[in-house]
Amino acid sequence: MYPSISDISYFLPKKISLKKKFKTQRHFKKIYEKTGIKNVSLSSKKQTALDLAIKSSNKILKYKKNLIDALIYVTQSPEYNLPSGSCILQDKLGLKKNIIAFDVNQGCSGYIYGLSLASSLIQSNQSKNVLLICSDTYRKYIKDNNNSCFPIFADGASSTIISRSSKKKCFVDFEFGTDGSGYMDLIVKNSGSNYNGKDPEIFMDGKKVLMFTMSNIPKLVNKILIKNGLTKKDIKYFIFHQASKVVIENLKKKLDLDEDKVYHDLKNLGNTVSSTIPINLRDLIKNKKIKRGDKILLAGFGVGYSMGAAILNW
């Protein structure tokens, strides 16, 4: 029996046009050339990451609620410092009570971490059906004058069911990496135990984040390929965390990848943190661009610094 992705859904709150948010057309064009983003999703003042998570999950749970025996909630936009959001979600989603439920505080690499944890729960016979939810509302920590973050981040949630299957192995392998020395380069200041009475605000040093990505992600990708006796030609699609156009374009050049091998929708989605990869994966499925046997390489990276890669055999 193997762990396998059986369903994916996502929910995006109201979209806003960045073009209308900038004072001049010239300013917007300059930003768009770097980010590749035209629209982002913005949660309302009353909507939380938990609300988005519920809406996303309800799309695929319908007749499967009683089958879920583990819940993994990946978020960096918690409802409270305690209790964990996963406990609240168990109740709000109407899931049974004899389940495993825990939170994972990860950002852009969070989906890869979640898939690995779900896979481990199934392979160790602790679970048969795992609900993996990724949800974040970074935009609540971003002011309009935050030029490094305002044009990039979007709010959104995704839900994935990973189930036990007798079919061919879905998860070929995982690879991870961490460099905590760069934790200050992407951080919500004035938060947690460091709250100082001021509004929490995201700070990002875009140049340093880009340098980390270019120095480490091509190595991570090549490492997992070599480890599994594969080449870039064996991969149908590469789905990178869509941080920005600059990041995606540089990764393509550094890895010498053809345009049609790298799938993203930066223009309409922006950077939805841990949900960028599952949203793009769902869209590939919906548009029937993946067929059985296709190999897909996923790579998430960013805040932490944290990174993770996975190869899927669809």
C-alpha atoms as a PDB file:
ATOM      1  CA  MET A   1       0.000   0.000   0.000  1.00  0.00           C
ATOM      2  CA  TYR A   2       1.286   3.444  -0.942  1.00  0.00           C
ATOM      3  CA  PRO A   3       0.346   7.015   0.037  1.00  0.00           C
ATOM      4  CA  SER A   4      -1.204   8.815  -2.922  1.00  0.00           C
ATOM      5  CA  ILE A   5      -2.834  12.194  -3.601  1.00  0.00           C
ATOM      6  CA  SER A   6      -6.530  11.504  -4.128  1.00  0.00           C
ATOM      7  CA  ASP A   7      -7.973  15.035  -4.299  1.00  0.00           C
ATOM      8  CA  ILE A   8      -6.995  18.723  -4.183  1.00  0.00           C
ATOM      9  CA  SER A   9      -9.082  21.859  -3.821  1.00  0.00           C
ATOM     10  CA  TYR A  10      -8.425  25.496  -3.061  1.00  0.00           C
ATOM     11  CA  PHE A  11     -10.172  28.696  -2.104  1.00  0.00           C
ATOM     12  CA  LEU A  12      -9.173  32.263  -2.928  1.00  0.00           C
ATOM     13  CA  PRO A  13     -10.909  35.279  -1.395  1.00  0.00           C
ATOM     14  CA  LYS A  14     -11.777  38.418  -3.361  1.00  0.00           C
ATOM     15  CA  LYS A  15      -9.259  39.357  -6.056  1.00  0.00           C
ATOM     16  CA  ILE A  16      -7.900  42.871  -6.334  1.00  0.00           C
ATOM     17  CA  SER A  17      -6.155  44.464  -9.306  1.00  0.00           C
ATOM     18  CA  LEU A  18      -2.705  45.748  -8.416  1.00  0.00           C
ATOM     19  CA  LYS A  19      -2.912  48.075 -11.394  1.00  0.00           C
ATOM     20  CA  LYS A  20      -5.569  50.102  -9.562  1.00  0.00           C
ATOM     21  CA  LYS A  21      -3.513  50.261  -6.383  1.00  0.00           C
ATOM     22  CA  PHE A  22      -0.522  52.111  -7.825  1.00  0.00           C
ATOM     23  CA  LYS A  23      -0.536  55.874  -8.291  1.00  0.00           C
ATOM     24  CA  THR A  24       0.812  55.797 -11.853  1.00  0.00           C
ATOM     25  CA  GLN A  25       0.733  53.352 -14.761  1.00  0.00           C
ATOM     26  CA  ARG A  26       4.499  53.711 -15.062  1.00  0.00           C
ATOM     27  CA  HIS A  27       5.012  52.594 -11.473  1.00  0.00           C
ATOM     28  CA  PHE A  28       2.794  49.541 -11.983  1.00  0.00           C
ATOM     29  CA  LYS A  29       4.621  48.506 -15.195  1.00  0.00           C
ATOM     30  CA  LYS A  30       7.965  48.722 -13.414  1.00  0.00           C
ATOM     31  CA  ILE A  31       6.746  46.503 -10.582  1.00  0.00           C
ATOM     32  CA  TYR A  32       4.981  44.081 -12.964  1.00  0.00           C
ATOM     33  CA  GLU A  33       8.190  43.499 -14.950  1.00  0.00           C
ATOM     34  CA  LYS A  34       9.844  42.184 -11.775  1.00  0.00           C
ATOM     35  CA  THR A  35       6.965  40.313 -10.177  1.00  0.00           C
ATOM     36  CA  GLY A  36       4.842  39.156 -13.131  1.00  0.00           C
ATOM     37  CA  ILE A  37       1.785  39.667 -10.894  1.00  0.00           C
ATOM     38  CA  LYS A  38      -1.350  41.571 -11.912  1.00  0.00           C
ATOM     39  CA  ASN A  39      -3.929  40.312  -9.420  1.00  0.00           C
ATOM     40  CA  VAL A  40      -3.793  39.101  -5.828  1.00  0.00           C
ATOM     41  CA  SER A  41      -6.430  37.704  -3.452  1.00  0.00           C
ATOM     42  CA  LEU A  42      -7.212  39.683  -0.344  1.00  0.00           C
ATOM     43  CA  SER A  43      -9.141  38.374   2.656  1.00  0.00           C
ATOM     44  CA  SER A  44     -11.671  40.701   4.259  1.00  0.00           C
ATOM     45  CA  LYS A  45     -11.071  42.196   7.705  1.00  0.00           C
ATOM     46  CA  LYS A  46     -13.294  39.530   9.238  1.00  0.00           C
ATOM     47  CA  GLN A  47     -11.830  36.587   7.275  1.00  0.00           C
ATOM     48  CA  THR A  48      -8.999  34.614   8.850  1.00  0.00           C
ATOM     49  CA  ALA A  49      -6.743  31.897   7.489  1.00  0.00           C
ATOM     50  CA  LEU A  50      -8.948  29.413   9.342  1.00  0.00           C
ATOM     51  CA  ASP A  51     -12.029  30.690   7.474  1.00  0.00           C
ATOM     52  CA  LEU A  52     -10.267  30.183   4.143  1.00  0.00           C
ATOM     53  CA  ALA A  53      -9.136  26.713   5.245  1.00  0.00           C
ATOM     54  CA  ILE A  54     -12.724  25.699   6.014  1.00  0.00           C
ATOM     55  CA  LYS A  55     -14.019  26.919   2.646  1.00  0.00           C
ATOM     56  CA  SER A  56     -11.243  25.089   0.805  1.00  0.00           C
ATOM     57  CA  SER A  57     -11.746  21.830   2.716  1.00  0.00           C
ATOM     58  CA  ASN A  58     -15.530  21.755   2.399  1.00  0.00           C
ATOM     59  CA  LYS A  59     -15.100  21.532  -1.378  1.00  0.00           C
ATOM     60  CA  ILE A  60     -13.605  18.045  -1.171  1.00  0.00           C
ATOM     61  CA  LEU A  61     -14.849  16.644   2.143  1.00  0.00           C
ATOM     62  CA  LYS A  62     -18.584  16.239   1.343  1.00  0.00           C
ATOM     63  CA  TYR A  63     -18.814  12.427   1.658  1.00  0.00           C
ATOM     64  CA  LYS A  64     -15.307  11.839   3.029  1.00  0.00           C
ATOM     65  CA  LYS A  65     -15.475  13.370   6.514  1.00  0.00           C
ATOM     66  CA  ASN A  66     -15.685  10.034   8.318  1.00  0.00           C
ATOM     67  CA  LEU A  67     -12.713   8.698   6.337  1.00  0.00           C
ATOM     68  CA  ILE A  68     -10.235  11.337   7.522  1.00  0.00           C
ATOM     69  CA  ASP A  69      -8.084  10.029  10.370  1.00  0.00           C
ATOM     70  CA  ALA A  70      -5.338  12.689  10.375  1.00  0.00           C
ATOM     71  CA  LEU A  71      -5.308  16.452   9.876  1.00  0.00           C
ATOM     72  CA  ILE A  72      -2.195  18.517   9.164  1.00  0.00           C
ATOM     73  CA  TYR A  73      -2.643  22.296   9.176  1.00  0.00           C
ATOM     74  CA  VAL A  74       0.202  24.303   7.620  1.00  0.00           C
ATOM     75  CA  THR A  75      -0.033  27.998   8.483  1.00  0.00           C
ATOM     76  CA  GLN A  76       1.928  31.033   9.626  1.00  0.00           C
ATOM     77  CA  SER A  77      -1.276  33.003  10.170  1.00  0.00           C
ATOM     78  CA  PRO A  78      -2.625  31.262  13.304  1.00  0.00           C
ATOM     79  CA  GLU A  79      -6.042  32.036  14.731  1.00  0.00           C
ATOM     80  CA  TYR A  80      -4.541  32.152  18.221  1.00  0.00           C
ATOM     81  CA  ASN A  81      -1.173  31.533  19.876  1.00  0.00           C
ATOM     82  CA  LEU A  82      -2.998  28.603  21.448  1.00  0.00           C
ATOM     83  CA  PRO A  83      -4.875  26.338  20.885  1.00  0.00           C
ATOM     84  CA  SER A  84      -3.643  24.898  17.613  1.00  0.00           C
ATOM     85  CA  GLY A  85      -5.703  25.661  14.526  1.00  0.00           C
ATOM     86  CA  SER A  86      -5.882  21.970  13.632  1.00  0.00           C
ATOM     87  CA  CYS A  87      -7.940  21.283  16.768  1.00  0.00           C
ATOM     88  CA  ILE A  88     -10.372  24.047  15.852  1.00  0.00           C
ATOM     89  CA  LEU A  89     -10.577  22.752  12.269  1.00  0.00           C
ATOM     90  CA  GLN A  90     -11.395  19.231  13.463  1.00  0.00           C
ATOM     91  CA  ASP A  91     -14.504  20.609  15.143  1.00  0.00           C
ATOM     92  CA  LYS A  92     -15.487  23.190  12.511  1.00  0.00           C
ATOM     93  CA  LEU A  93     -15.171  20.653   9.674  1.00  0.00           C
ATOM     94  CA  GLY A  94     -17.167  18.025  11.561  1.00  0.00           C
ATOM     95  CA  LEU A  95     -14.393  15.440  11.495  1.00  0.00           C
ATOM     96  CA  LYS A  96     -14.422  12.472  13.857  1.00  0.00           C
ATOM     97  CA  LYS A  97     -12.692  12.855  17.218  1.00  0.00           C
ATOM     98  CA  ASN A  98     -10.354   9.869  17.164  1.00  0.00           C
ATOM     99  CA  ILE A  99      -7.935  11.531  14.713  1.00  0.00           C
ATOM    100  CA  ILE A 100      -4.402  12.883  14.726  1.00  0.00           C
ATOM    101  CA  ALA A 101      -4.374  16.697  14.388  1.00  0.00           C
ATOM    102  CA  PHE A 102      -1.429  19.093  14.519  1.00  0.00           C
ATOM    103  CA  ASP A 103      -0.129  22.380  13.112  1.00  0.00           C
ATOM    104  CA  VAL A 104       3.024  22.970  11.083  1.00  0.00           C
ATOM    105  CA  ASN A 105       4.529  26.453  11.252  1.00  0.00           C
ATOM    106  CA  GLN A 106       6.062  26.604   7.780  1.00  0.00           C
ATOM    107  CA  GLY A 107       5.687  29.032   4.907  1.00  0.00           C
ATOM    108  CA  CYS A 108       6.718  28.576   1.298  1.00  0.00           C
ATOM    109  CA  SER A 109       8.114  25.057   1.797  1.00  0.00           C
ATOM    110  CA  GLY A 110       5.105  24.029   3.894  1.00  0.00           C
ATOM    111  CA  TYR A 111       3.299  21.942   1.287  1.00  0.00           C
ATOM    112  CA  ILE A 112       6.339  19.714   0.743  1.00  0.00           C
ATOM    113  CA  TYR A 113       6.690  19.257   4.499  1.00  0.00           C
ATOM    114  CA  GLY A 114       3.002  18.422   4.740  1.00  0.00           C
ATOM    115  CA  LEU A 115       3.158  15.841   1.957  1.00  0.00           C
ATOM    116  CA  SER A 116       6.156  14.165   3.587  1.00  0.00           C
ATOM    117  CA  LEU A 117       4.447  14.028   6.990  1.00  0.00           C
ATOM    118  CA  ALA A 118       1.224  12.688   5.472  1.00  0.00           C
ATOM    119  CA  SER A 119       3.197  10.065   3.555  1.00  0.00           C
ATOM    120  CA  SER A 120       4.969   8.989   6.767  1.00  0.00           C
ATOM    121  CA  LEU A 121       1.692   8.660   8.681  1.00  0.00           C
ATOM    122  CA  ILE A 122       0.305   6.355   6.008  1.00  0.00           C
ATOM    123  CA  GLN A 123       3.474   4.311   5.534  1.00  0.00           C
ATOM    124  CA  SER A 124       3.683   3.731   9.305  1.00  0.00           C
ATOM    125  CA  ASN A 125       0.052   2.489   9.309  1.00  0.00           C
ATOM    126  CA  GLN A 126      -1.065   5.265  11.656  1.00  0.00           C
ATOM    127  CA  SER A 127      -3.434   6.730   9.067  1.00  0.00           C
ATOM    128  CA  LYS A 128      -5.328   5.797   5.934  1.00  0.00           C
ATOM    129  CA  ASN A 129      -6.608   9.215   4.837  1.00  0.00           C
ATOM    130  CA  VAL A 130      -4.814  12.456   5.700  1.00  0.00           C
ATOM    131  CA  LEU A 131      -6.257  15.923   5.151  1.00  0.00           C
ATOM    132  CA  LEU A 132      -3.448  18.405   4.490  1.00  0.00           C
ATOM    133  CA  ILE A 133      -4.547  22.046   4.678  1.00  0.00           C
ATOM    134  CA  CYS A 134      -2.341  25.024   3.802  1.00  0.00           C
ATOM    135  CA  SER A 135      -3.726  28.482   4.533  1.00  0.00           C
ATOM    136  CA  ASP A 136      -2.252  31.933   5.046  1.00  0.00           C
ATOM    137  CA  THR A 137      -3.311  35.563   5.160  1.00  0.00           C
ATOM    138  CA  TYR A 138       0.053  37.327   4.867  1.00  0.00           C
ATOM    139  CA  ARG A 139      -1.617  40.434   3.486  1.00  0.00           C
ATOM    140  CA  LYS A 140      -2.958  41.261   6.941  1.00  0.00           C
ATOM    141  CA  TYR A 141       0.655  42.008   7.890  1.00  0.00           C
ATOM    142  CA  ILE A 142       1.346  44.228   4.856  1.00  0.00           C
ATOM    143  CA  LYS A 143       0.741  47.970   4.659  1.00  0.00           C
ATOM    144  CA  ASP A 144       0.151  49.746   1.342  1.00  0.00           C
ATOM    145  CA  ASN A 145       3.573  51.426   1.517  1.00  0.00           C
ATOM    146  CA  ASN A 146       5.428  48.122   1.972  1.00  0.00           C
ATOM    147  CA  ASN A 147       6.937  48.110  -1.531  1.00  0.00           C
ATOM    148  CA  SER A 148       8.801  44.798  -1.193  1.00  0.00           C
ATOM    149  CA  CYS A 149       5.750  42.777  -0.101  1.00  0.00           C
ATOM    150  CA  PHE A 150       2.617  44.610  -1.230  1.00  0.00           C
ATOM    151  CA  PRO A 151       2.890  43.649  -4.960  1.00  0.00           C
ATOM    152  CA  ILE A 152       3.686  39.984  -4.254  1.00  0.00           C
ATOM    153  CA  PHE A 153       1.797  38.231  -1.478  1.00  0.00           C
ATOM    154  CA  ALA A 154      -1.788  36.972  -1.726  1.00  0.00           C
ATOM    155  CA  ASP A 155      -4.174  35.261   0.699  1.00  0.00           C
ATOM    156  CA  GLY A 156      -5.449  31.764  -0.014  1.00  0.00           C
ATOM    157  CA  ALA A 157      -5.961  28.198   1.155  1.00  0.00           C
ATOM    158  CA  SER A 158      -5.592  24.715  -0.307  1.00  0.00           C
ATOM    159  CA  SER A 159      -6.725  21.281   0.850  1.00  0.00           C
ATOM    160  CA  THR A 160      -5.237  17.950  -0.214  1.00  0.00           C
ATOM    161  CA  ILE A 161      -6.364  14.441   0.697  1.00  0.00           C
ATOM    162  CA  ILE A 162      -3.565  11.870   0.773  1.00  0.00           C
ATOM    163  CA  SER A 163      -4.872   8.303   0.925  1.00  0.00           C
ATOM    164  CA  ARG A 164      -3.597   4.758   1.082  1.00  0.00           C
ATOM    165  CA  SER A 165      -3.565   3.174  -2.366  1.00  0.00           C
ATOM    166  CA  SER A 166      -2.531  -0.117  -3.918  1.00  0.00           C
ATOM    167  CA  LYS A 167      -1.552   1.610  -7.168  1.00  0.00           C
ATOM    168  CA  LYS A 168       1.951   2.597  -8.237  1.00  0.00           C
ATOM    169  CA  LYS A 169       4.013   4.596  -5.760  1.00  0.00           C
ATOM    170  CA  CYS A 170       3.040   8.294  -5.976  1.00  0.00           C
ATOM    171  CA  PHE A 171       5.750   9.864  -3.824  1.00  0.00           C
ATOM    172  CA  VAL A 172       9.097   8.948  -5.341  1.00  0.00           C
ATOM    173  CA  ASP A 173      11.238  10.886  -2.878  1.00  0.00           C
ATOM    174  CA  PHE A 174      11.651  14.001  -0.717  1.00  0.00           C
ATOM    175  CA  GLU A 175      14.629  16.258  -0.055  1.00  0.00           C
ATOM    176  CA  PHE A 176      14.866  19.059   2.533  1.00  0.00           C
ATOM    177  CA  GLY A 177      17.188  21.812   3.721  1.00  0.00           C
ATOM    178  CA  THR A 178      17.303  24.550   6.355  1.00  0.00           C
ATOM    179  CA  ASP A 179      19.444  27.644   6.888  1.00  0.00           C
ATOM    180  CA  GLY A 180      18.177  29.538   9.919  1.00  0.00           C
ATOM    181  CA  SER A 181      20.947  32.132   9.683  1.00  0.00           C
ATOM    182  CA  GLY A 182      18.708  34.069   7.280  1.00  0.00           C
ATOM    183  CA  TYR A 183      15.629  34.150   9.518  1.00  0.00           C
ATOM    184  CA  MET A 184      15.667  37.961   9.694  1.00  0.00           C
ATOM    185  CA  ASP A 185      15.448  38.348   5.890  1.00  0.00           C
ATOM    186  CA  LEU A 186      11.738  37.462   5.790  1.00  0.00           C
ATOM    187  CA  ILE A 187       9.989  38.010   9.079  1.00  0.00           C
ATOM    188  CA  VAL A 188       6.840  39.389  10.703  1.00  0.00           C
ATOM    189  CA  LYS A 189       8.257  41.951  13.106  1.00  0.00           C
ATOM    190  CA  ASN A 190       6.458  42.924  16.325  1.00  0.00           C
ATOM    191  CA  SER A 191       4.834  39.496  16.629  1.00  0.00           C
ATOM    192  CA  GLY A 192       4.798  36.524  19.001  1.00  0.00           C
ATOM    193  CA  SER A 193       6.907  37.019  22.128  1.00  0.00           C
ATOM    194  CA  ASN A 194       8.542  39.997  20.406  1.00  0.00           C
ATOM    195  CA  TYR A 195       5.273  41.946  20.227  1.00  0.00           C
ATOM    196  CA  ASN A 196       6.060  45.504  21.334  1.00  0.00           C
ATOM    197  CA  GLY A 197       2.680  47.178  21.034  1.00  0.00           C
ATOM    198  CA  LYS A 198       3.117  48.151  17.377  1.00  0.00           C
ATOM    199  CA  ASP A 199       1.235  46.533  14.482  1.00  0.00           C
ATOM    200  CA  PRO A 200       2.866  43.301  13.210  1.00  0.00           C
ATOM    201  CA  GLU A 201       4.503  44.001   9.838  1.00  0.00           C
ATOM    202  CA  ILE A 202       6.204  41.746   7.281  1.00  0.00           C
ATOM    203  CA  PHE A 203       9.758  42.710   6.394  1.00  0.00           C
ATOM    204  CA  MET A 204      11.495  41.124   3.402  1.00  0.00           C
ATOM    205  CA  ASP A 205      14.991  41.694   2.055  1.00  0.00           C
ATOM    206  CA  GLY A 206      14.203  40.679  -1.524  1.00  0.00           C
ATOM    207  CA  LYS A 207      17.826  40.633  -2.694  1.00  0.00           C
ATOM    208  CA  LYS A 208      18.951  38.292   0.068  1.00  0.00           C
ATOM    209  CA  VAL A 209      15.956  35.988  -0.452  1.00  0.00           C
ATOM    210  CA  LEU A 210      16.782  35.832  -4.172  1.00  0.00           C
ATOM    211  CA  MET A 211      20.452  35.083  -3.423  1.00  0.00           C
ATOM    212  CA  PHE A 212      19.464  32.251  -1.086  1.00  0.00           C
ATOM    213  CA  THR A 213      17.112  30.805  -3.702  1.00  0.00           C
ATOM    214  CA  MET A 214      19.625  30.927  -6.549  1.00  0.00           C
ATOM    215  CA  SER A 215      22.410  29.461  -4.398  1.00  0.00           C
ATOM    216  CA  ASN A 216      20.394  26.570  -3.013  1.00  0.00           C
ATOM    217  CA  ILE A 217      17.350  25.532  -5.055  1.00  0.00           C
ATOM    218  CA  PRO A 218      19.143  24.437  -8.256  1.00  0.00           C
ATOM    219  CA  LYS A 219      21.404  22.278  -6.057  1.00  0.00           C
ATOM    220  CA  LEU A 220      18.365  20.848  -4.256  1.00  0.00           C
ATOM    221  CA  VAL A 221      16.653  20.009  -7.557  1.00  0.00           C
ATOM    222  CA  ASN A 222      19.737  18.374  -9.036  1.00  0.00           C
ATOM    223  CA  LYS A 223      20.374  16.443  -5.820  1.00  0.00           C
ATOM    224  CA  ILE A 224      16.927  14.816  -5.723  1.00  0.00           C
ATOM    225  CA  LEU A 225      17.127  14.002  -9.445  1.00  0.00           C
ATOM    226  CA  ILE A 226      20.564  12.371  -9.211  1.00  0.00           C
ATOM    227  CA  LYS A 227      19.581  10.542  -6.024  1.00  0.00           C
ATOM    228  CA  ASN A 228      16.711   8.878  -7.892  1.00  0.00           C
ATOM    229  CA  GLY A 229      18.547   8.203 -11.162  1.00  0.00           C
ATOM    230  CA  LEU A 230      16.498  10.778 -13.088  1.00  0.00           C
ATOM    231  CA  THR A 231      17.283  13.642 -15.440  1.00  0.00           C
ATOM    232  CA  LYS A 232      15.406  16.852 -16.146  1.00  0.00           C
ATOM    233  CA  LYS A 233      14.079  15.230 -19.337  1.00  0.00           C
ATOM    234  CA  ASP A 234      12.256  12.631 -17.206  1.00  0.00           C
ATOM    235  CA  ILE A 235      10.185  15.348 -15.510  1.00  0.00           C
ATOM    236  CA  LYS A 236       6.940  16.391 -17.212  1.00  0.00           C
ATOM    237  CA  TYR A 237       6.456  19.532 -15.100  1.00  0.00           C
ATOM    238  CA  PHE A 238       8.459  21.496 -12.564  1.00  0.00           C
ATOM    239  CA  ILE A 239       6.242  23.382 -10.102  1.00  0.00           C
ATOM    240  CA  PHE A 240       8.295  25.872  -8.127  1.00  0.00           C
ATOM    241  CA  HIS A 241       6.970  28.020  -5.328  1.00  0.00           C
ATOM    242  CA  GLN A 242       5.969  31.092  -7.331  1.00  0.00           C
ATOM    243  CA  ALA A 243       7.755  33.780  -5.354  1.00  0.00           C
ATOM    244  CA  SER A 244       8.002  36.234  -8.261  1.00  0.00           C
ATOM    245  CA  LYS A 245       8.797  36.415 -11.975  1.00  0.00           C
ATOM    246  CA  VAL A 246      12.442  37.228 -11.235  1.00  0.00           C
ATOM    247  CA  VAL A 247      12.782  34.086  -9.117  1.00  0.00           C
ATOM    248  CA  ILE A 248      11.042  31.772 -11.606  1.00  0.00           C
ATOM    249  CA  GLU A 249      12.953  33.136 -14.624  1.00  0.00           C
ATOM    250  CA  ASN A 250      16.311  32.827 -12.865  1.00  0.00           C
ATOM    251  CA  LEU A 251      15.564  29.258 -11.776  1.00  0.00           C
ATOM    252  CA  LYS A 252      14.687  28.332 -15.371  1.00  0.00           C
ATOM    253  CA  LYS A 253      17.978  29.797 -16.607  1.00  0.00           C
ATOM    254  CA  LYS A 254      20.076  28.283 -13.850  1.00  0.00           C
ATOM    255  CA  LEU A 255      18.553  24.821 -14.390  1.00  0.00           C
ATOM    256  CA  ASP A 256      18.352  25.229 -18.182  1.00  0.00           C
ATOM    257  CA  LEU A 257      14.647  24.355 -18.300  1.00  0.00           C
ATOM    258  CA  ASP A 258      12.328  24.810 -21.261  1.00  0.00           C
ATOM    259  CA  GLU A 259       9.473  27.273 -20.828  1.00  0.00           C
ATOM    260  CA  ASP A 260       6.775  24.607 -21.229  1.00  0.00           C
ATOM    261  CA  LYS A 261       8.255  22.475 -18.421  1.00  0.00           C
ATOM    262  CA  VAL A 262       7.756  25.085 -15.704  1.00  0.00           C
ATOM    263  CA  TYR A 263       4.137  25.623 -14.725  1.00  0.00           C
ATOM    264  CA  HIS A 264       2.908  28.698 -12.839  1.00  0.00           C
ATOM    265  CA  ASP A 265       0.176  31.330 -12.865  1.00  0.00           C
ATOM    266  CA  LEU A 266       1.880  34.286 -11.248  1.00  0.00           C
ATOM    267  CA  LYS A 267      -0.181  36.834 -13.136  1.00  0.00           C
ATOM    268  CA  ASN A 268      -3.506  35.809 -11.616  1.00  0.00           C
ATOM    269  CA  LEU A 269      -2.468  34.255  -8.306  1.00  0.00           C
ATOM    270  CA  GLY A 270       0.589  35.992  -6.942  1.00  0.00           C
ATOM    271  CA  ASN A 271       2.454  34.402  -4.054  1.00  0.00           C
ATOM    272  CA  THR A 272      -0.042  32.462  -1.903  1.00  0.00           C
ATOM    273  CA  VAL A 273       2.755  31.108   0.326  1.00  0.00           C
ATOM    274  CA  SER A 274       2.339  27.361   1.104  1.00  0.00           C
ATOM    275  CA  SER A 275      -0.657  27.086  -1.241  1.00  0.00           C
ATOM    276  CA  THR A 276       1.106  28.128  -4.457  1.00  0.00           C
ATOM    277  CA  ILE A 277       2.251  24.595  -5.324  1.00  0.00           C
ATOM    278  CA  PRO A 278      -1.042  22.742  -4.615  1.00  0.00           C
ATOM    279  CA  ILE A 279      -3.054  25.431  -6.446  1.00  0.00           C
ATOM    280  CA  ASN A 280      -0.923  25.007  -9.543  1.00  0.00           C
ATOM    281  CA  LEU A 281      -1.034  21.230  -9.212  1.00  0.00           C
ATOM    282  CA  ARG A 282      -4.832  21.350  -9.038  1.00  0.00           C
ATOM    283  CA  ASP A 283      -5.006  23.558 -12.128  1.00  0.00           C
ATOM    284  CA  LEU A 284      -2.801  21.136 -14.065  1.00  0.00           C
ATOM    285  CA  ILE A 285      -5.192  18.310 -13.138  1.00  0.00           C
ATOM    286  CA  LYS A 286      -8.272  20.371 -13.986  1.00  0.00           C
ATOM    287  CA  ASN A 287      -6.856  21.298 -17.403  1.00  0.00           C
ATOM    288  CA  LYS A 288      -5.921  17.654 -18.057  1.00  0.00           C
ATOM    289  CA  LYS A 289      -2.252  18.467 -18.548  1.00  0.00           C
ATOM    290  CA  ILE A 290      -1.104  15.537 -16.406  1.00  0.00           C
ATOM    291  CA  LYS A 291      -1.574  11.888 -17.314  1.00  0.00           C
ATOM    292  CA  ARG A 292      -0.865   8.730 -15.385  1.00  0.00           C
ATOM    293  CA  GLY A 293       2.847   7.987 -15.181  1.00  0.00           C
ATOM    294  CA  ASP A 294       3.982  11.606 -15.575  1.00  0.00           C
ATOM    295  CA  LYS A 295       6.692  12.656 -13.151  1.00  0.00           C
ATOM    296  CA  ILE A 296       6.333  16.048 -11.494  1.00  0.00           C
ATOM    297  CA  LEU A 297       8.971  17.827  -9.435  1.00  0.00           C
ATOM    298  CA  LEU A 298       7.785  20.194  -6.713  1.00  0.00           C
ATOM    299  CA  ALA A 299      10.079  22.669  -4.937  1.00  0.00           C
ATOM    300  CA  GLY A 300       9.132  25.040  -2.133  1.00  0.00           C
ATOM    301  CA  PHE A 301      11.514  27.563  -0.592  1.00  0.00           C
ATOM    302  CA  GLY A 302      11.661  30.816   1.335  1.00  0.00           C
ATOM    303  CA  VAL A 303      10.914  32.048   4.840  1.00  0.00           C
ATOM    304  CA  GLY A 304      13.075  30.352   7.444  1.00  0.00           C
ATOM    305  CA  TYR A 305      15.178  29.877   5.350  1.00  0.00           C
ATOM    306  CA  SER A 306      13.501  26.581   4.570  1.00  0.00           C
ATOM    307  CA  MET A 307      13.395  24.469   1.425  1.00  0.00           C
ATOM    308  CA  GLY A 308      11.946  21.185   0.274  1.00  0.00           C
ATOM    309  CA  ALA A 309      11.584  19.219  -2.952  1.00  0.00           C
ATOM    310  CA  ALA A 310       9.474  16.223  -3.918  1.00  0.00           C
ATOM    311  CA  ILE A 311       9.131  14.027  -6.989  1.00  0.00           C
ATOM    312  CA  LEU A 312       5.679  12.670  -7.728  1.00  0.00           C
ATOM    313  CA  ASN A 313       4.831   9.771 -10.015  1.00  0.00           C
ATOM    314  CA  TRP A 314       1.288  10.644 -11.104  1.00  0.00           C
END
